[in-house]
Amino acid sequence: MKKYKSLTNSETASFCGQLALLLPAGISILEGIQLMMEDSADNESKELLLQIEAALLEEKGFSEALAATGVFPEYVTSMVLLGEEAGKLDIVMARLADYYAQQDAITTALKNAVRYPLIMLGLMIIILFVLITKVLPIFNQVFLQLGSGLTGASLSLMKLGGIFQAASGALVLILTVLAAVLFILSKSAHLMKRLKHILHTCRLTKNFFMNTAYSRFACAMSMLISSGIDIFKELDIINGIVENELFSQKLAVFQNSLRSGDYINDAIKKAGIFKAQHQKILQISYKTGDSDRVFTKLSEYYEDAALNQLHRLLDIIEPALVIIFSFVTGIILISVIMPLIGIMSGI
């Protein structure tokens, strides 16, 4: 059986969204997959849909057919299974489409937010490299002809640039090996777990990841409640989609509280999930039967809060990069200009 690459959030949202449109019209899952195949212009997508169709023709469940492909998130297959059992698969598919569209929006926003600082950092490194390897030697040659030479930081940087030029081949090799090692390590589950631990507990990034966890938790809760699925069956799956070490500790308290007989809003309060004002709003929403909508609003609130924190962090990083670059460039220029001023005054 051919293996396919895992679907992106956008592709998952599109797949679920198409079925969410077809199922309420009385179209069966098998017919829906066949209709999607007719509309698909991508060969790989058609092959994936053919694989799902073959599993359905063998009278396997839809969740089993999705799991067999190996490309859908575990959360999707688990929610589909519960949707089949509850007879509310159309609602589940619609909520999954909304959920993964939201996750795709978060991922896109993150990429767009960090792209500019990374480009800026790369340009600064290139400019400084050209400055110390090409420009400073020209100034040094001019000063030598005038009976002087570079001094201080400029001289040290020029020597460093000379070393870089002499060892450029070795430097490229080292950077290539380093990139390969980093790529291999990025595939290490242990290393990625350690990196996540650092990011989730670091003072600068902790709140961002906690708000992201709150957003995902609220979105999942909204989907479960609106789909009419028993929350007790999904407690472990919620932990899997949040993927936050600190939040997992709160979720454990939440789960234990539910199992001991507490209401959802009381369990959330005991676990310290969400702000106090939001806990109060949830308590009221359970009395009015509007909790799924409130969870949706909370998901949007914490998503916006996470993105705002990211932008604030980047607002600090970008000026810091400019200041550092300006400082280094200023030192170089002063080191170049001062000897020139001395020579001119001597003339």
Protein backbone atom coordinates (compact mmCIF):
# COMPACT_ATOMS: atom_id res chain seq x y z
CA MET A 1 0.00 0.00 0.00
CA LYS A 2 1.40 3.36 -1.01
CA LYS A 3 2.26 5.76 1.79
CA TYR A 4 1.32 9.42 1.52
CA LYS A 5 2.69 12.41 3.35
CA SER A 6 0.61 13.68 6.27
CA LEU A 7 -2.03 16.20 5.35
CA THR A 8 -1.49 19.82 6.30
CA ASN A 9 -4.02 21.70 8.41
CA SER A 10 -5.29 23.39 5.25
CA GLU A 11 -5.73 20.08 3.39
CA THR A 12 -7.44 18.48 6.40
CA ALA A 13 -9.81 21.45 6.70
CA SER A 14 -10.62 21.21 2.97
CA PHE A 15 -11.30 17.47 3.13
CA CYS A 16 -13.57 17.78 6.17
CA GLY A 17 -15.26 20.87 4.75
CA GLN A 18 -16.22 19.14 1.51
CA LEU A 19 -17.80 16.23 3.37
CA ALA A 20 -19.52 18.64 5.75
CA LEU A 21 -21.28 20.14 2.72
CA LEU A 22 -22.25 16.78 1.20
CA LEU A 23 -23.45 14.79 4.22
CA PRO A 24 -26.37 17.07 5.25
CA ALA A 25 -27.76 16.64 1.71
CA GLY A 26 -28.34 12.94 2.39
CA ILE A 27 -25.26 11.78 0.50
CA SER A 28 -23.52 8.79 2.05
CA ILE A 29 -19.81 8.80 2.93
CA LEU A 30 -19.01 6.46 0.03
CA GLU A 31 -20.91 8.63 -2.44
CA GLY A 32 -19.26 11.72 -1.01
CA ILE A 33 -15.77 10.27 -1.50
CA GLN A 34 -16.66 9.30 -5.08
CA LEU A 35 -17.93 12.80 -5.83
CA MET A 36 -14.72 14.27 -4.41
CA MET A 37 -12.71 11.98 -6.69
CA GLU A 38 -14.60 13.27 -9.73
CA ASP A 39 -13.79 16.86 -8.79
CA SER A 40 -10.17 16.23 -7.82
CA ALA A 41 -7.56 17.39 -10.34
CA ASP A 42 -4.58 16.13 -8.35
CA ASN A 43 -3.41 12.57 -8.99
CA GLU A 44 -2.12 12.04 -5.46
CA SER A 45 -5.41 13.23 -3.98
CA LYS A 46 -7.31 10.87 -6.27
CA GLU A 47 -5.12 7.95 -5.19
CA LEU A 48 -5.75 8.80 -1.54
CA LEU A 49 -9.50 8.99 -2.13
CA LEU A 50 -9.37 5.69 -4.04
CA GLN A 51 -7.71 4.09 -1.04
CA ILE A 52 -10.47 5.41 1.24
CA GLU A 53 -13.12 4.23 -1.25
CA ALA A 54 -11.61 0.73 -1.38
CA ALA A 55 -11.71 0.48 2.41
CA LEU A 56 -15.34 1.62 2.46
CA LEU A 57 -16.28 -0.91 -0.22
CA GLU A 58 -14.81 -3.58 2.04
CA GLU A 59 -17.42 -2.40 4.55
CA LYS A 60 -14.88 -0.86 6.91
CA GLY A 61 -15.94 2.09 9.04
CA PHE A 62 -15.10 5.59 7.82
CA SER A 63 -12.78 6.23 10.78
CA GLU A 64 -11.02 2.93 10.08
CA ALA A 65 -10.64 3.87 6.41
CA LEU A 66 -9.11 7.24 7.34
CA ALA A 67 -6.75 5.67 9.88
CA ALA A 68 -5.55 3.13 7.31
CA THR A 69 -4.20 5.89 5.06
CA GLY A 70 -1.86 7.13 7.79
CA VAL A 71 -2.18 10.77 6.69
CA PHE A 72 -4.97 12.06 8.90
CA PRO A 73 -4.32 13.35 12.45
CA GLU A 74 -5.33 10.97 15.22
CA TYR A 75 -7.76 13.60 16.45
CA VAL A 76 -9.66 13.42 13.14
CA THR A 77 -9.99 9.64 13.16
CA SER A 78 -11.04 9.60 16.83
CA MET A 79 -13.65 12.33 16.33
CA VAL A 80 -14.99 10.61 13.21
CA LEU A 81 -15.36 7.36 15.16
CA LEU A 82 -17.35 9.10 17.86
CA GLY A 83 -19.38 10.92 15.22
CA GLU A 84 -20.27 7.60 13.63
CA GLU A 85 -21.28 6.15 16.98
CA ALA A 86 -23.38 9.22 17.86
CA GLY A 87 -24.94 9.44 14.38
CA LYS A 88 -23.75 13.04 14.03
CA LEU A 89 -20.95 12.65 11.52
CA ASP A 90 -22.06 15.69 9.48
CA ILE A 91 -21.79 17.94 12.55
CA VAL A 92 -18.41 16.46 13.49
CA MET A 93 -17.02 17.02 9.97
CA ALA A 94 -18.18 20.65 10.01
CA ARG A 95 -16.57 21.27 13.39
CA LEU A 96 -13.35 19.53 12.29
CA ALA A 97 -13.26 21.75 9.19
CA ASP A 98 -13.59 24.85 11.38
CA TYR A 99 -10.98 23.59 13.83
CA TYR A 100 -8.30 22.84 11.23
CA ALA A 101 -9.05 26.06 9.34
CA GLN A 102 -8.35 27.87 12.61
CA GLN A 103 -5.11 25.93 13.18
CA ASP A 104 -4.03 26.73 9.61
CA ALA A 105 -4.68 30.43 10.26
CA ILE A 106 -2.56 30.30 13.42
CA THR A 107 0.29 28.52 11.60
CA THR A 108 0.19 31.02 8.71
CA ALA A 109 0.19 33.96 11.12
CA LEU A 110 3.21 32.54 12.94
CA LYS A 111 5.15 32.06 9.70
CA ASN A 112 4.34 35.58 8.52
CA ALA A 113 5.27 37.04 11.89
CA VAL A 114 8.75 35.50 12.09
CA ARG A 115 9.63 35.81 8.39
CA TYR A 116 10.61 39.51 8.50
CA PRO A 117 12.98 39.26 11.51
CA LEU A 118 14.68 36.23 9.96
CA ILE A 119 15.13 38.05 6.64
CA MET A 120 16.46 41.09 8.48
CA LEU A 121 18.93 38.98 10.46
CA GLY A 122 20.13 37.26 7.28
CA LEU A 123 20.67 40.57 5.47
CA MET A 124 22.57 42.00 8.45
CA ILE A 125 24.90 39.01 8.52
CA ILE A 126 25.54 39.31 4.75
CA ILE A 127 26.21 43.07 4.97
CA LEU A 128 28.60 42.66 7.90
CA PHE A 129 30.39 39.82 6.11
CA VAL A 130 30.88 41.95 2.99
CA LEU A 131 32.01 44.88 5.14
CA ILE A 132 34.74 42.98 6.97
CA THR A 133 35.94 40.91 4.01
CA LYS A 134 35.74 43.43 1.15
CA VAL A 135 35.40 47.01 2.37
CA LEU A 136 37.78 47.06 5.35
CA PRO A 137 40.76 45.64 3.36
CA ILE A 138 40.32 48.48 0.83
CA PHE A 139 40.41 51.08 3.60
CA ASN A 140 43.43 49.37 5.15
CA GLN A 141 45.28 49.52 1.83
CA VAL A 142 44.51 53.23 1.52
CA PHE A 143 45.74 53.89 5.06
CA LEU A 144 48.94 51.94 4.45
CA GLN A 145 49.66 54.13 1.43
CA LEU A 146 49.13 57.16 3.65
CA GLY A 147 51.56 55.80 6.23
CA SER A 148 49.01 54.48 8.72
CA GLY A 149 46.62 51.53 9.03
CA LEU A 150 43.47 50.27 10.61
CA THR A 151 43.45 49.95 14.38
CA GLY A 152 41.22 48.63 17.15
CA ALA A 153 37.98 46.91 16.32
CA SER A 154 38.29 47.48 12.57
CA LEU A 155 41.69 45.77 12.44
CA SER A 156 40.39 42.81 14.49
CA LEU A 157 37.33 42.47 12.28
CA MET A 158 39.44 42.70 9.12
CA LYS A 159 41.69 39.89 10.39
CA LEU A 160 38.58 37.88 11.21
CA GLY A 161 37.29 38.51 7.70
CA GLY A 162 40.61 37.31 6.29
CA ILE A 163 40.30 34.11 8.27
CA PHE A 164 36.76 33.63 6.94
CA GLN A 165 37.97 34.13 3.35
CA ALA A 166 40.92 31.77 3.75
CA ALA A 167 38.71 29.10 5.29
CA SER A 168 35.62 29.75 3.16
CA GLY A 169 35.59 26.21 1.75
CA ALA A 170 35.89 24.64 5.19
CA LEU A 171 33.31 27.07 6.55
CA VAL A 172 30.78 26.09 3.89
CA LEU A 173 31.45 22.42 4.65
CA ILE A 174 30.98 22.97 8.39
CA LEU A 175 27.74 24.88 7.84
CA THR A 176 26.47 22.12 5.53
CA VAL A 177 27.31 19.42 8.08
CA LEU A 178 25.72 21.51 10.84
CA ALA A 179 22.54 21.95 8.80
CA ALA A 180 22.43 18.20 8.14
CA VAL A 181 22.93 17.43 11.85
CA LEU A 182 20.18 19.88 12.82
CA PHE A 183 17.86 18.29 10.25
CA ILE A 184 18.55 14.82 11.64
CA LEU A 185 18.12 16.00 15.21
CA SER A 186 14.82 17.67 14.27
CA LYS A 187 13.54 14.16 13.52
CA SER A 188 14.48 13.00 17.02
CA ALA A 189 11.41 12.70 19.22
CA HIS A 190 13.49 13.08 22.38
CA LEU A 191 15.16 16.27 21.17
CA MET A 192 11.89 17.80 19.99
CA LYS A 193 10.32 16.96 23.35
CA ARG A 194 13.20 18.69 25.09
CA LEU A 195 12.90 21.74 22.82
CA LYS A 196 9.16 21.94 23.50
CA HIS A 197 9.86 21.78 27.23
CA ILE A 198 12.24 24.74 26.96
CA LEU A 199 9.78 26.77 24.88
CA HIS A 200 6.81 25.92 27.11
CA THR A 201 8.65 26.89 30.31
CA CYS A 202 10.79 29.81 29.10
CA ARG A 203 9.66 33.12 30.56
CA LEU A 204 9.56 34.85 27.15
CA THR A 205 7.51 32.18 25.36
CA LYS A 206 5.54 30.44 28.15
CA ASN A 207 2.46 32.68 27.97
CA PHE A 208 2.30 32.41 24.19
CA PHE A 209 2.22 28.61 24.24
CA MET A 210 -0.19 28.52 27.19
CA ASN A 211 -2.63 30.81 25.37
CA THR A 212 -2.30 28.63 22.28
CA ALA A 213 -3.12 25.59 24.44
CA TYR A 214 -6.15 27.39 25.89
CA SER A 215 -7.33 28.22 22.37
CA ARG A 216 -7.05 24.61 21.19
CA PHE A 217 -8.70 23.28 24.34
CA ALA A 218 -11.64 25.69 24.02
CA CYS A 219 -12.04 24.89 20.33
CA ALA A 220 -12.06 21.14 21.05
CA MET A 221 -14.56 21.56 23.89
CA SER A 222 -16.85 23.62 21.66
CA MET A 223 -16.70 20.95 18.99
CA LEU A 224 -17.44 18.13 21.42
CA ILE A 225 -20.37 19.90 23.07
CA SER A 226 -21.96 21.12 19.83
CA SER A 227 -21.55 17.64 18.29
CA GLY A 228 -23.39 16.05 21.20
CA ILE A 229 -20.46 13.73 21.96
CA ASP A 230 -19.84 12.45 25.49
CA ILE A 231 -16.95 14.51 26.86
CA PHE A 232 -15.75 11.66 29.07
CA LYS A 233 -14.84 9.60 26.00
CA GLU A 234 -12.62 12.36 24.66
CA LEU A 235 -10.57 13.39 27.68
CA ASP A 236 -7.37 11.66 26.53
CA ILE A 237 -7.72 12.91 22.94
CA ILE A 238 -7.95 16.52 24.13
CA ASN A 239 -4.59 16.13 25.81
CA GLY A 240 -3.14 14.87 22.53
CA ILE A 241 -4.22 17.87 20.46
CA VAL A 242 -3.06 20.48 22.98
CA GLU A 243 0.55 19.20 23.25
CA ASN A 244 1.63 21.51 26.06
CA GLU A 245 3.53 20.19 29.06
CA LEU A 246 2.29 22.79 31.55
CA PHE A 247 -1.28 22.61 30.27
CA SER A 248 -1.20 18.80 30.53
CA GLN A 249 -0.80 19.18 34.28
CA LYS A 250 -3.91 21.37 34.41
CA LEU A 251 -5.75 18.98 32.13
CA ALA A 252 -4.96 16.09 34.50
CA VAL A 253 -6.62 18.02 37.33
CA PHE A 254 -9.55 18.78 35.02
CA GLN A 255 -9.95 15.11 34.10
CA ASN A 256 -9.76 13.90 37.71
CA SER A 257 -12.29 16.51 38.76
CA LEU A 258 -14.73 15.40 36.04
CA ARG A 259 -14.32 11.75 37.01
CA SER A 260 -15.07 12.62 40.62
CA GLY A 261 -18.44 14.01 39.55
CA ASP A 262 -17.83 17.75 39.13
CA TYR A 263 -19.49 19.76 36.37
CA ILE A 264 -17.29 20.90 33.47
CA ASN A 265 -17.21 24.55 34.58
CA ASP A 266 -16.30 23.53 38.15
CA ALA A 267 -13.56 21.22 36.86
CA ILE A 268 -12.15 24.05 34.72
CA LYS A 269 -12.10 26.33 37.75
CA LYS A 270 -10.32 23.74 39.92
CA ALA A 271 -7.71 23.15 37.20
CA GLY A 272 -7.06 26.88 36.81
CA ILE A 273 -7.84 26.80 33.09
CA PHE A 274 -8.70 30.23 31.61
CA LYS A 275 -8.88 33.55 33.40
CA ALA A 276 -11.20 33.99 36.38
CA GLN A 277 -13.61 36.18 34.40
CA HIS A 278 -13.85 33.56 31.66
CA GLN A 279 -14.50 30.83 34.22
CA LYS A 280 -17.40 32.93 35.51
CA ILE A 281 -18.77 33.40 31.98
CA LEU A 282 -18.60 29.64 31.43
CA GLN A 283 -20.48 29.03 34.65
CA ILE A 284 -23.29 31.29 33.45
CA SER A 285 -23.26 29.74 29.96
CA TYR A 286 -23.93 26.27 31.37
CA LYS A 287 -27.05 27.60 33.03
CA THR A 288 -28.25 29.12 29.75
CA GLY A 289 -27.21 26.14 27.58
CA ASP A 290 -24.89 28.30 25.49
CA SER A 291 -21.55 26.80 26.51
CA ASP A 292 -20.47 25.66 23.02
CA ARG A 293 -20.72 29.22 21.67
CA VAL A 294 -18.82 30.58 24.69
CA PHE A 295 -16.05 28.04 24.18
CA THR A 296 -15.81 29.16 20.54
CA LYS A 297 -15.47 32.79 21.64
CA LEU A 298 -12.85 31.84 24.23
CA SER A 299 -10.90 29.94 21.57
CA GLU A 300 -10.86 33.06 19.39
CA TYR A 301 -9.91 35.26 22.36
CA TYR A 302 -6.91 33.14 23.39
CA GLU A 303 -5.82 32.72 19.77
CA ASP A 304 -5.75 36.52 19.40
CA ALA A 305 -3.96 36.82 22.77
CA ALA A 306 -1.28 34.35 21.66
CA LEU A 307 -0.72 36.16 18.36
CA ASN A 308 -0.59 39.54 20.12
CA GLN A 309 2.07 38.20 22.48
CA LEU A 310 4.05 36.91 19.52
CA HIS A 311 3.86 40.30 17.81
CA ARG A 312 4.94 42.05 21.02
CA LEU A 313 7.93 39.73 21.28
CA LEU A 314 8.83 40.41 17.65
CA ASP A 315 8.39 44.15 18.25
CA ILE A 316 11.20 43.80 20.79
CA ILE A 317 13.41 41.58 18.64
CA GLU A 318 13.29 43.71 15.49
CA PRO A 319 14.52 46.98 17.12
CA ALA A 320 17.10 44.94 19.07
CA LEU A 321 18.51 43.57 15.81
CA VAL A 322 18.65 47.07 14.33
CA ILE A 323 20.38 48.46 17.44
CA ILE A 324 22.98 45.67 17.48
CA PHE A 325 23.66 46.06 13.75
CA SER A 326 23.92 49.85 14.07
CA PHE A 327 26.24 49.51 17.07
CA VAL A 328 28.63 47.13 15.31
CA THR A 329 28.58 49.20 12.12
CA GLY A 330 29.15 52.40 14.14
CA ILE A 331 32.21 50.91 15.86
CA ILE A 332 33.65 49.90 12.49
CA LEU A 333 33.03 53.32 10.94
CA ILE A 334 34.52 55.15 13.94
CA SER A 335 37.59 52.90 13.83
CA VAL A 336 37.97 53.74 10.14
CA ILE A 337 37.26 57.47 10.40
CA MET A 338 39.43 58.24 13.44
CA PRO A 339 42.75 57.23 11.79
CA LEU A 340 41.67 59.10 8.67
CA ILE A 341 41.03 62.23 10.75
CA GLY A 342 44.50 61.83 12.35
CA ILE A 343 46.14 61.56 8.95
CA MET A 344 44.27 64.56 7.56
CA SER A 345 45.15 66.71 10.59
CA GLY A 346 48.82 65.74 10.19
CA ILE A 347 48.74 66.90 6.59
